[in-house]
Amino acid sequence: MIDERLEELASLYALDLIEGAERSAFEREIAADAELRKLVDALREASAQLALTVNAPTPSIELRNRVMASVANRAGRAQPPVPVALTSNVVRPSPLLWLGWAAAAVFAIAALWAGQRYSVNRNELAATQTMAEMEKAAAQTIRNQLEAERLIAIRQTDEFKRAQAEVGTLKQNLATERIQTARQLAELQGKNDLANFKISRLASLLGNSPDATAIAIWNPLTQEGVLTVDKLPALASNQDYQLWVIDPQYPAPVDGGVFAVDSATGVGRATFRPRQPVAQATKFAVTRERKGGAAAAGEGQMILISQ
């Protein structure tokens, strides 16, 4: 069945009003549809019949007389041309001619209407497609924005969780240090005045063990102290940790003895007494040395040092 769109295209095609890709596409439809071919043939035949219904124009009597007189003068004949009498036999168009003109007018109006409607429909289709593409682009922009906001929210959530974990670790380390300090002070409380004690916190110098810490409590009156360490890396069987006391009166750190830590937790505790009298313990340091310790500082790697 031929729809309205094909009827419009058939009218335009019969009058040669479509070109290019549209014409080629419609010709393919004509080749595939016998009914459409019959419609196109009928429209073209009607167009041809309209052209045949127009009679050739008849020249007027005055024009014929002037032409005959001109021919006679050129031939050397002086006699005047014989005038042709005017007759009242006026040729009147037949009813079929009027019918043909009426059909032509109707066909022309229909073709014009079909062409205008086809053009309007095509413009409306193009506008609809453009609007659809704009809406599609706008929707994609909104989706991209929502995805970006989702990723930002996830990243902020992850950063917040990491910050909470770091704060929790710091609180735990601080609580551990406070417990260790209180325990050490309790052990030394009965020996001397606590106001004379020096308490130092040692920080890690290891990139792979940044949480390693130590607390040294030094009693200058008894020349002894307590060292508590936490999260130190496990040592090989041929190594020891060694404590050093830095006193400005000596050119080199004073040996405070070796100590061991738990291989699983890195926790250790030792009471130390320097090998030389210490007048002022400005700093404490821990190094990793060979088994039994080094005779002088600087042989092994420094692990911890007080601020």
C-alpha atoms as a PDB file:
ATOM      1  CA  MET A   1       0.000   0.000   0.000  1.00  0.00           C
ATOM      2  CA  ILE A   2       1.293   3.437  -0.967  1.00  0.00           C
ATOM      3  CA  ASP A   3       1.385   5.803   1.992  1.00  0.00           C
ATOM      4  CA  GLU A   4       1.036   9.569   1.973  1.00  0.00           C
ATOM      5  CA  ARG A   5       4.780  10.180   1.931  1.00  0.00           C
ATOM      6  CA  LEU A   6       5.269   8.048  -1.205  1.00  0.00           C
ATOM      7  CA  GLU A   7       2.342   9.802  -2.934  1.00  0.00           C
ATOM      8  CA  GLU A   8       3.982  13.173  -2.268  1.00  0.00           C
ATOM      9  CA  LEU A   9       7.339  11.950  -3.558  1.00  0.00           C
ATOM     10  CA  ALA A  10       5.665  10.426  -6.646  1.00  0.00           C
ATOM     11  CA  SER A  11       4.048  13.787  -7.488  1.00  0.00           C
ATOM     12  CA  LEU A  12       7.373  15.614  -7.121  1.00  0.00           C
ATOM     13  CA  TYR A  13       9.222  12.944  -9.106  1.00  0.00           C
ATOM     14  CA  ALA A  14       6.721  13.110 -11.987  1.00  0.00           C
ATOM     15  CA  LEU A  15       7.396  16.856 -12.254  1.00  0.00           C
ATOM     16  CA  ASP A  16      11.215  16.394 -11.833  1.00  0.00           C
ATOM     17  CA  LEU A  17      11.197  18.402  -8.592  1.00  0.00           C
ATOM     18  CA  ILE A  18      13.498  16.147  -6.524  1.00  0.00           C
ATOM     19  CA  GLU A  19      17.193  15.648  -7.146  1.00  0.00           C
ATOM     20  CA  GLY A  20      20.345  14.083  -5.795  1.00  0.00           C
ATOM     21  CA  ALA A  21      20.256  11.506  -3.035  1.00  0.00           C
ATOM     22  CA  GLU A  22      16.507  11.845  -2.536  1.00  0.00           C
ATOM     23  CA  ARG A  23      15.869  11.118  -6.194  1.00  0.00           C
ATOM     24  CA  SER A  24      18.183   8.086  -6.143  1.00  0.00           C
ATOM     25  CA  ALA A  25      16.529   6.719  -3.003  1.00  0.00           C
ATOM     26  CA  PHE A  26      13.038   7.178  -4.481  1.00  0.00           C
ATOM     27  CA  GLU A  27      14.083   5.490  -7.744  1.00  0.00           C
ATOM     28  CA  ARG A  28      15.188   2.465  -5.699  1.00  0.00           C
ATOM     29  CA  GLU A  29      11.760   2.373  -4.086  1.00  0.00           C
ATOM     30  CA  ILE A  30      10.128   2.586  -7.534  1.00  0.00           C
ATOM     31  CA  ALA A  31      12.194  -0.358  -8.759  1.00  0.00           C
ATOM     32  CA  ALA A  32      11.078  -2.456  -5.778  1.00  0.00           C
ATOM     33  CA  ASP A  33       7.372  -1.510  -5.772  1.00  0.00           C
ATOM     34  CA  ALA A  34       5.196  -2.272  -8.835  1.00  0.00           C
ATOM     35  CA  GLU A  35       2.243  -0.300  -7.491  1.00  0.00           C
ATOM     36  CA  LEU A  36       4.440   2.750  -6.984  1.00  0.00           C
ATOM     37  CA  ARG A  37       5.747   2.434 -10.555  1.00  0.00           C
ATOM     38  CA  LYS A  38       2.165   2.430 -11.874  1.00  0.00           C
ATOM     39  CA  LEU A  39       1.399   5.584  -9.884  1.00  0.00           C
ATOM     40  CA  VAL A  40       4.476   7.376 -11.241  1.00  0.00           C
ATOM     41  CA  ASP A  41       3.644   6.307 -14.813  1.00  0.00           C
ATOM     42  CA  ALA A  42       0.066   7.561 -14.442  1.00  0.00           C
ATOM     43  CA  LEU A  43       1.232  10.916 -13.100  1.00  0.00           C
ATOM     44  CA  ARG A  44       3.728  11.332 -15.905  1.00  0.00           C
ATOM     45  CA  GLU A  45       1.107  10.392 -18.518  1.00  0.00           C
ATOM     46  CA  ALA A  46      -1.261  12.949 -17.058  1.00  0.00           C
ATOM     47  CA  SER A  47       1.477  15.570 -17.312  1.00  0.00           C
ATOM     48  CA  ALA A  48       2.059  14.671 -20.972  1.00  0.00           C
ATOM     49  CA  GLN A  49      -1.665  14.790 -21.765  1.00  0.00           C
ATOM     50  CA  LEU A  50      -1.868  18.240 -20.239  1.00  0.00           C
ATOM     51  CA  ALA A  51       0.855  19.439 -22.581  1.00  0.00           C
ATOM     52  CA  LEU A  52      -1.029  18.002 -25.631  1.00  0.00           C
ATOM     53  CA  THR A  53      -4.305  19.738 -24.757  1.00  0.00           C
ATOM     54  CA  VAL A  54      -2.780  23.155 -25.416  1.00  0.00           C
ATOM     55  CA  ASN A  55      -3.565  24.187 -29.083  1.00  0.00           C
ATOM     56  CA  ALA A  56      -0.985  25.993 -31.161  1.00  0.00           C
ATOM     57  CA  PRO A  57      -1.793  29.752 -31.354  1.00  0.00           C
ATOM     58  CA  THR A  58      -3.466  31.004 -34.621  1.00  0.00           C
ATOM     59  CA  PRO A  59      -2.000  34.236 -36.071  1.00  0.00           C
ATOM     60  CA  SER A  60      -4.372  37.200 -36.547  1.00  0.00           C
ATOM     61  CA  ILE A  61      -5.749  38.274 -39.993  1.00  0.00           C
ATOM     62  CA  GLU A  62      -3.854  41.607 -39.832  1.00  0.00           C
ATOM     63  CA  LEU A  63      -0.538  39.821 -39.251  1.00  0.00           C
ATOM     64  CA  ARG A  64      -1.223  37.443 -42.201  1.00  0.00           C
ATOM     65  CA  ASN A  65      -2.004  40.330 -44.584  1.00  0.00           C
ATOM     66  CA  ARG A  66       1.176  42.196 -43.619  1.00  0.00           C
ATOM     67  CA  VAL A  67       3.305  39.085 -44.212  1.00  0.00           C
ATOM     68  CA  MET A  68       1.731  38.457 -47.667  1.00  0.00           C
ATOM     69  CA  ALA A  69       2.231  42.086 -48.720  1.00  0.00           C
ATOM     70  CA  SER A  70       5.874  41.963 -47.714  1.00  0.00           C
ATOM     71  CA  VAL A  71       6.399  38.801 -49.786  1.00  0.00           C
ATOM     72  CA  ALA A  72       4.717  40.358 -52.846  1.00  0.00           C
ATOM     73  CA  ASN A  73       6.832  43.549 -52.717  1.00  0.00           C
ATOM     74  CA  ARG A  74      10.057  41.540 -52.583  1.00  0.00           C
ATOM     75  CA  ALA A  75       8.938  39.511 -55.658  1.00  0.00           C
ATOM     76  CA  GLY A  76       8.376  42.724 -57.740  1.00  0.00           C
ATOM     77  CA  ARG A  77       4.661  42.487 -57.943  1.00  0.00           C
ATOM     78  CA  ALA A  78       2.929  45.794 -57.422  1.00  0.00           C
ATOM     79  CA  GLN A  79      -0.580  44.510 -57.007  1.00  0.00           C
ATOM     80  CA  PRO A  80      -1.812  44.918 -53.476  1.00  0.00           C
ATOM     81  CA  PRO A  81      -2.409  41.893 -51.423  1.00  0.00           C
ATOM     82  CA  VAL A  82      -5.849  40.478 -51.324  1.00  0.00           C
ATOM     83  CA  PRO A  83      -7.253  41.175 -47.976  1.00  0.00           C
ATOM     84  CA  VAL A  84      -8.645  38.306 -46.153  1.00  0.00           C
ATOM     85  CA  ALA A  85     -12.105  38.898 -44.965  1.00  0.00           C
ATOM     86  CA  LEU A  86     -12.788  38.661 -41.336  1.00  0.00           C
ATOM     87  CA  THR A  87     -15.184  35.969 -40.478  1.00  0.00           C
ATOM     88  CA  SER A  88     -17.161  35.364 -37.477  1.00  0.00           C
ATOM     89  CA  ASN A  89     -16.127  31.734 -37.311  1.00  0.00           C
ATOM     90  CA  VAL A  90     -14.386  31.965 -33.947  1.00  0.00           C
ATOM     91  CA  VAL A  91     -12.842  28.730 -32.774  1.00  0.00           C
ATOM     92  CA  ARG A  92     -14.260  27.916 -29.426  1.00  0.00           C
ATOM     93  CA  PRO A  93     -12.419  25.605 -27.107  1.00  0.00           C
ATOM     94  CA  SER A  94     -14.088  22.263 -26.628  1.00  0.00           C
ATOM     95  CA  PRO A  95     -15.303  21.105 -23.252  1.00  0.00           C
ATOM     96  CA  LEU A  96     -12.516  18.519 -23.220  1.00  0.00           C
ATOM     97  CA  LEU A  97      -9.966  21.351 -23.455  1.00  0.00           C
ATOM     98  CA  TRP A  98     -11.486  23.082 -20.445  1.00  0.00           C
ATOM     99  CA  LEU A  99     -11.512  19.780 -18.627  1.00  0.00           C
ATOM    100  CA  GLY A 100      -7.819  19.329 -19.410  1.00  0.00           C
ATOM    101  CA  TRP A 101      -6.959  22.812 -18.157  1.00  0.00           C
ATOM    102  CA  ALA A 102      -8.942  22.179 -14.976  1.00  0.00           C
ATOM    103  CA  ALA A 103      -7.126  18.890 -14.436  1.00  0.00           C
ATOM    104  CA  ALA A 104      -3.782  20.620 -15.029  1.00  0.00           C
ATOM    105  CA  ALA A 105      -4.625  23.296 -12.497  1.00  0.00           C
ATOM    106  CA  VAL A 106      -5.684  20.709  -9.943  1.00  0.00           C
ATOM    107  CA  PHE A 107      -2.547  18.669 -10.603  1.00  0.00           C
ATOM    108  CA  ALA A 108      -0.309  21.746 -10.318  1.00  0.00           C
ATOM    109  CA  ILE A 109      -1.955  22.807  -7.065  1.00  0.00           C
ATOM    110  CA  ALA A 110      -1.642  19.278  -5.686  1.00  0.00           C
ATOM    111  CA  ALA A 111       2.012  19.089  -6.698  1.00  0.00           C
ATOM    112  CA  LEU A 112       2.740  22.496  -5.146  1.00  0.00           C
ATOM    113  CA  TRP A 113       0.958  21.524  -1.954  1.00  0.00           C
ATOM    114  CA  ALA A 114       2.796  18.216  -1.843  1.00  0.00           C
ATOM    115  CA  GLY A 115       6.144  19.938  -2.385  1.00  0.00           C
ATOM    116  CA  GLN A 116       5.492  22.497   0.325  1.00  0.00           C
ATOM    117  CA  ARG A 117       4.312  19.846   2.753  1.00  0.00           C
ATOM    118  CA  TYR A 118       7.329  17.669   1.985  1.00  0.00           C
ATOM    119  CA  SER A 119       9.665  20.604   2.602  1.00  0.00           C
ATOM    120  CA  VAL A 120       7.917  21.499   5.853  1.00  0.00           C
ATOM    121  CA  ASN A 121       8.018  17.908   7.074  1.00  0.00           C
ATOM    122  CA  ARG A 122      11.691  17.637   6.195  1.00  0.00           C
ATOM    123  CA  ASN A 123      12.513  20.854   8.093  1.00  0.00           C
ATOM    124  CA  GLU A 124      10.496  19.696  11.089  1.00  0.00           C
ATOM    125  CA  LEU A 125      12.320  16.338  11.038  1.00  0.00           C
ATOM    126  CA  ALA A 126      15.709  18.088  10.897  1.00  0.00           C
ATOM    127  CA  ALA A 127      14.717  20.368  13.802  1.00  0.00           C
ATOM    128  CA  THR A 128      13.512  17.365  15.817  1.00  0.00           C
ATOM    129  CA  GLN A 129      16.760  15.505  15.193  1.00  0.00           C
ATOM    130  CA  THR A 130      18.805  18.557  16.204  1.00  0.00           C
ATOM    131  CA  MET A 131      16.800  18.945  19.419  1.00  0.00           C
ATOM    132  CA  ALA A 132      17.188  15.244  20.182  1.00  0.00           C
ATOM    133  CA  GLU A 133      20.961  15.487  19.736  1.00  0.00           C
ATOM    134  CA  MET A 134      21.108  18.541  22.007  1.00  0.00           C
ATOM    135  CA  GLU A 135      19.076  16.754  24.690  1.00  0.00           C
ATOM    136  CA  LYS A 136      21.317  13.706  24.349  1.00  0.00           C
ATOM    137  CA  ALA A 137      24.434  15.858  24.778  1.00  0.00           C
ATOM    138  CA  ALA A 138      22.913  17.594  27.803  1.00  0.00           C
ATOM    139  CA  ALA A 139      22.042  14.229  29.374  1.00  0.00           C
ATOM    140  CA  GLN A 140      25.585  12.988  28.797  1.00  0.00           C
ATOM    141  CA  THR A 141      26.974  16.135  30.435  1.00  0.00           C
ATOM    142  CA  ILE A 142      24.779  15.550  33.488  1.00  0.00           C
ATOM    143  CA  ARG A 143      25.893  11.897  33.668  1.00  0.00           C
ATOM    144  CA  ASN A 144      29.557  12.945  33.475  1.00  0.00           C
ATOM    145  CA  GLN A 145      29.050  15.517  36.227  1.00  0.00           C
ATOM    146  CA  LEU A 146      27.322  12.986  38.488  1.00  0.00           C
ATOM    147  CA  GLU A 147      30.108  10.460  37.889  1.00  0.00           C
ATOM    148  CA  ALA A 148      32.757  13.066  38.733  1.00  0.00           C
ATOM    149  CA  GLU A 149      30.918  13.999  41.934  1.00  0.00           C
ATOM    150  CA  ARG A 150      30.642  10.304  42.847  1.00  0.00           C
ATOM    151  CA  LEU A 151      34.380   9.759  42.376  1.00  0.00           C
ATOM    152  CA  ILE A 152      35.181  12.878  44.417  1.00  0.00           C
ATOM    153  CA  ALA A 153      32.892  11.673  47.218  1.00  0.00           C
ATOM    154  CA  ILE A 154      34.568   8.235  47.213  1.00  0.00           C
ATOM    155  CA  ARG A 155      38.025   9.807  47.348  1.00  0.00           C
ATOM    156  CA  GLN A 156      37.031  12.138  50.175  1.00  0.00           C
ATOM    157  CA  THR A 157      35.551   9.193  52.070  1.00  0.00           C
ATOM    158  CA  ASP A 158      38.740   7.168  51.641  1.00  0.00           C
ATOM    159  CA  GLU A 159      40.881  10.120  52.757  1.00  0.00           C
ATOM    160  CA  PHE A 160      38.667  10.621  55.804  1.00  0.00           C
ATOM    161  CA  LYS A 161      38.969   6.942  56.717  1.00  0.00           C
ATOM    162  CA  ARG A 162      42.753   7.082  56.361  1.00  0.00           C
ATOM    163  CA  ALA A 163      42.909  10.207  58.508  1.00  0.00           C
ATOM    164  CA  GLN A 164      40.781   8.510  61.166  1.00  0.00           C
ATOM    165  CA  ALA A 165      43.083   5.488  61.111  1.00  0.00           C
ATOM    166  CA  GLU A 166      46.171   7.696  61.453  1.00  0.00           C
ATOM    167  CA  VAL A 167      44.602   9.591  64.349  1.00  0.00           C
ATOM    168  CA  GLY A 168      43.723   6.289  66.006  1.00  0.00           C
ATOM    169  CA  THR A 169      47.295   5.062  65.591  1.00  0.00           C
ATOM    170  CA  LEU A 170      48.716   8.273  67.046  1.00  0.00           C
ATOM    171  CA  LYS A 171      46.376   8.070  70.018  1.00  0.00           C
ATOM    172  CA  GLN A 172      47.359   4.471  70.590  1.00  0.00           C
ATOM    173  CA  ASN A 173      51.070   5.275  70.389  1.00  0.00           C
ATOM    174  CA  LEU A 174      50.638   8.206  72.763  1.00  0.00           C
ATOM    175  CA  ALA A 175      48.759   6.053  75.243  1.00  0.00           C
ATOM    176  CA  THR A 176      51.464   3.390  75.026  1.00  0.00           C
ATOM    177  CA  GLU A 177      54.189   5.953  75.645  1.00  0.00           C
ATOM    178  CA  ARG A 178      52.321   7.371  78.604  1.00  0.00           C
ATOM    179  CA  ILE A 179      51.925   3.898  80.107  1.00  0.00           C
ATOM    180  CA  GLN A 180      55.593   3.126  79.567  1.00  0.00           C
ATOM    181  CA  THR A 181      56.661   6.443  81.072  1.00  0.00           C
ATOM    182  CA  ALA A 182      54.410   5.983  84.096  1.00  0.00           C
ATOM    183  CA  ARG A 183      55.752   2.462  84.650  1.00  0.00           C
ATOM    184  CA  GLN A 184      59.347   3.628  84.457  1.00  0.00           C
ATOM    185  CA  LEU A 185      58.735   6.539  86.787  1.00  0.00           C
ATOM    186  CA  ALA A 186      57.038   4.247  89.247  1.00  0.00           C
ATOM    187  CA  GLU A 187      60.109   2.030  89.313  1.00  0.00           C
ATOM    188  CA  LEU A 188      62.425   4.975  89.950  1.00  0.00           C
ATOM    189  CA  GLN A 189      60.141   6.947  92.232  1.00  0.00           C
ATOM    190  CA  GLY A 190      61.531   5.661  95.483  1.00  0.00           C
ATOM    191  CA  LYS A 191      65.152   6.239  94.618  1.00  0.00           C
ATOM    192  CA  ASN A 192      65.406  10.000  94.118  1.00  0.00           C
ATOM    193  CA  ASP A 193      63.540  13.165  93.426  1.00  0.00           C
ATOM    194  CA  LEU A 194      61.627  12.878  90.161  1.00  0.00           C
ATOM    195  CA  ALA A 195      62.408  16.513  89.341  1.00  0.00           C
ATOM    196  CA  ASN A 196      65.967  15.476  88.545  1.00  0.00           C
ATOM    197  CA  PHE A 197      64.967  12.871  85.985  1.00  0.00           C
ATOM    198  CA  LYS A 198      65.434  13.482  82.266  1.00  0.00           C
ATOM    199  CA  ILE A 199      62.775  11.982  80.017  1.00  0.00           C
ATOM    200  CA  SER A 200      63.490  11.747  76.267  1.00  0.00           C
ATOM    201  CA  ARG A 201      61.469  10.374  73.387  1.00  0.00           C
ATOM    202  CA  LEU A 202      63.418   8.760  70.556  1.00  0.00           C
ATOM    203  CA  ALA A 203      61.974   8.895  66.985  1.00  0.00           C
ATOM    204  CA  SER A 204      62.576   6.502  64.114  1.00  0.00           C
ATOM    205  CA  LEU A 205      65.094   7.197  61.336  1.00  0.00           C
ATOM    206  CA  LEU A 206      63.945   4.177  59.279  1.00  0.00           C
ATOM    207  CA  GLY A 207      61.812   4.718  56.213  1.00  0.00           C
ATOM    208  CA  ASN A 208      60.430   1.179  56.401  1.00  0.00           C
ATOM    209  CA  SER A 209      59.651   1.432  60.137  1.00  0.00           C
ATOM    210  CA  PRO A 210      58.444   5.004  60.745  1.00  0.00           C
ATOM    211  CA  ASP A 211      56.360   3.999  63.798  1.00  0.00           C
ATOM    212  CA  ALA A 212      59.345   2.698  65.778  1.00  0.00           C
ATOM    213  CA  THR A 213      59.736   4.688  69.030  1.00  0.00           C
ATOM    214  CA  ALA A 214      61.545   4.599  72.361  1.00  0.00           C
ATOM    215  CA  ILE A 215      61.416   6.413  75.701  1.00  0.00           C
ATOM    216  CA  ALA A 216      64.514   6.883  77.871  1.00  0.00           C
ATOM    217  CA  ILE A 217      64.277   7.995  81.518  1.00  0.00           C
ATOM    218  CA  TRP A 218      67.656   9.052  82.913  1.00  0.00           C
ATOM    219  CA  ASN A 219      68.541   9.593  86.564  1.00  0.00           C
ATOM    220  CA  PRO A 220      71.723  11.678  86.726  1.00  0.00           C
ATOM    221  CA  LEU A 221      72.139  11.098  90.483  1.00  0.00           C
ATOM    222  CA  THR A 222      72.274   7.318  90.281  1.00  0.00           C
ATOM    223  CA  GLN A 223      73.790   7.316  86.771  1.00  0.00           C
ATOM    224  CA  GLU A 224      71.219   4.800  85.553  1.00  0.00           C
ATOM    225  CA  GLY A 225      68.116   4.808  83.401  1.00  0.00           C
ATOM    226  CA  VAL A 226      65.312   2.755  81.853  1.00  0.00           C
ATOM    227  CA  LEU A 227      64.807   2.369  78.090  1.00  0.00           C
ATOM    228  CA  THR A 228      61.505   1.126  76.601  1.00  0.00           C
ATOM    229  CA  VAL A 229      61.237   0.545  72.820  1.00  0.00           C
ATOM    230  CA  ASP A 230      58.291  -0.334  70.583  1.00  0.00           C
ATOM    231  CA  LYS A 231      57.886  -1.590  66.977  1.00  0.00           C
ATOM    232  CA  LEU A 232      61.587  -1.986  66.255  1.00  0.00           C
ATOM    233  CA  PRO A 233      62.373  -4.264  63.271  1.00  0.00           C
ATOM    234  CA  ALA A 234      63.465  -7.812  64.109  1.00  0.00           C
ATOM    235  CA  LEU A 235      67.225  -8.402  64.026  1.00  0.00           C
ATOM    236  CA  ALA A 236      69.289 -11.147  62.497  1.00  0.00           C
ATOM    237  CA  SER A 237      70.806 -13.703  64.844  1.00  0.00           C
ATOM    238  CA  ASN A 238      74.251 -12.034  64.573  1.00  0.00           C
ATOM    239  CA  GLN A 239      73.043  -8.518  65.465  1.00  0.00           C
ATOM    240  CA  ASP A 240      72.114  -6.482  68.561  1.00  0.00           C
ATOM    241  CA  TYR A 241      70.599  -3.088  69.293  1.00  0.00           C
ATOM    242  CA  GLN A 242      72.903  -0.728  71.217  1.00  0.00           C
ATOM    243  CA  LEU A 243      72.082   2.404  73.248  1.00  0.00           C
ATOM    244  CA  TRP A 244      74.293   5.504  73.225  1.00  0.00           C
ATOM    245  CA  VAL A 245      74.276   8.494  75.583  1.00  0.00           C
ATOM    246  CA  ILE A 246      75.485  11.806  74.146  1.00  0.00           C
ATOM    247  CA  ASP A 247      77.316  14.011  76.661  1.00  0.00           C
ATOM    248  CA  PRO A 248      79.003  17.260  75.457  1.00  0.00           C
ATOM    249  CA  GLN A 249      82.056  16.578  77.652  1.00  0.00           C
ATOM    250  CA  TYR A 250      83.007  13.586  75.490  1.00  0.00           C
ATOM    251  CA  PRO A 251      83.966  13.754  71.808  1.00  0.00           C
ATOM    252  CA  ALA A 252      82.060  10.523  71.102  1.00  0.00           C
ATOM    253  CA  PRO A 253      78.789   9.049  72.402  1.00  0.00           C
ATOM    254  CA  VAL A 254      79.008   6.951  75.580  1.00  0.00           C
ATOM    255  CA  ASP A 255      78.103   3.258  75.317  1.00  0.00           C
ATOM    256  CA  GLY A 256      74.849   2.480  77.172  1.00  0.00           C
ATOM    257  CA  GLY A 257      74.846  -1.274  76.517  1.00  0.00           C
ATOM    258  CA  VAL A 258      73.056  -3.672  74.176  1.00  0.00           C
ATOM    259  CA  PHE A 259      69.465  -4.871  74.425  1.00  0.00           C
ATOM    260  CA  ALA A 260      67.055  -7.175  72.587  1.00  0.00           C
ATOM    261  CA  VAL A 261      63.468  -6.862  71.387  1.00  0.00           C
ATOM    262  CA  ASP A 262      60.641  -9.288  70.748  1.00  0.00           C
ATOM    263  CA  SER A 263      60.958 -10.500  67.155  1.00  0.00           C
ATOM    264  CA  ALA A 264      57.177 -10.418  66.587  1.00  0.00           C
ATOM    265  CA  THR A 265      56.199  -7.078  68.185  1.00  0.00           C
ATOM    266  CA  GLY A 266      59.494  -5.168  68.267  1.00  0.00           C
ATOM    267  CA  VAL A 267      58.921  -4.386  71.975  1.00  0.00           C
ATOM    268  CA  GLY A 268      61.847  -4.297  74.387  1.00  0.00           C
ATOM    269  CA  ARG A 269      62.792  -2.937  77.802  1.00  0.00           C
ATOM    270  CA  ALA A 270      66.205  -2.564  79.455  1.00  0.00           C
ATOM    271  CA  THR A 271      67.817  -0.875  82.438  1.00  0.00           C
ATOM    272  CA  PHE A 272      71.079   0.742  81.380  1.00  0.00           C
ATOM    273  CA  ARG A 273      74.161   2.241  83.013  1.00  0.00           C
ATOM    274  CA  PRO A 274      76.702   4.059  80.783  1.00  0.00           C
ATOM    275  CA  ARG A 275      80.299   2.816  80.759  1.00  0.00           C
ATOM    276  CA  GLN A 276      81.509   6.350  81.597  1.00  0.00           C
ATOM    277  CA  PRO A 277      80.154   8.921  84.042  1.00  0.00           C
ATOM    278  CA  VAL A 278      77.629  11.220  82.360  1.00  0.00           C
ATOM    279  CA  ALA A 279      77.382  14.795  83.612  1.00  0.00           C
ATOM    280  CA  GLN A 280      74.730  15.924  81.155  1.00  0.00           C
ATOM    281  CA  ALA A 281      72.758  13.536  78.947  1.00  0.00           C
ATOM    282  CA  THR A 282      71.639  15.797  76.128  1.00  0.00           C
ATOM    283  CA  LYS A 283      70.518  13.041  73.747  1.00  0.00           C
ATOM    284  CA  PHE A 284      70.053   9.308  73.418  1.00  0.00           C
ATOM    285  CA  ALA A 285      70.485   7.182  70.297  1.00  0.00           C
ATOM    286  CA  VAL A 286      69.996   3.550  69.252  1.00  0.00           C
ATOM    287  CA  THR A 287      72.063   1.813  66.575  1.00  0.00           C
ATOM    288  CA  ARG A 288      72.014  -1.614  64.968  1.00  0.00           C
ATOM    289  CA  GLU A 289      75.373  -3.326  65.618  1.00  0.00           C
ATOM    290  CA  ARG A 290      77.068  -6.702  65.363  1.00  0.00           C
ATOM    291  CA  LYS A 291      76.389  -9.257  68.054  1.00  0.00           C
ATOM    292  CA  GLY A 292      77.704  -8.024  71.411  1.00  0.00           C
ATOM    293  CA  GLY A 293      77.777  -4.364  70.339  1.00  0.00           C
ATOM    294  CA  ALA A 294      80.408  -1.987  68.959  1.00  0.00           C
ATOM    295  CA  ALA A 295      83.299  -0.447  70.902  1.00  0.00           C
ATOM    296  CA  ALA A 296      82.614   2.989  69.451  1.00  0.00           C
ATOM    297  CA  ALA A 297      79.604   4.674  67.887  1.00  0.00           C
ATOM    298  CA  GLY A 298      79.417   5.002  64.154  1.00  0.00           C
ATOM    299  CA  GLU A 299      80.067   1.428  63.105  1.00  0.00           C
ATOM    300  CA  GLY A 300      76.426   0.416  62.704  1.00  0.00           C
ATOM    301  CA  GLN A 301      73.259   2.027  61.345  1.00  0.00           C
ATOM    302  CA  MET A 302      71.490   4.585  63.536  1.00  0.00           C
ATOM    303  CA  ILE A 303      67.871   3.552  64.152  1.00  0.00           C
ATOM    304  CA  LEU A 304      66.489   5.978  66.782  1.00  0.00           C
ATOM    305  CA  ILE A 305      67.527   9.360  68.184  1.00  0.00           C
ATOM    306  CA  SER A 306      65.955  11.723  70.698  1.00  0.00           C
ATOM    307  CA  GLN A 307      64.777  15.190  69.707  1.00  0.00           C
END
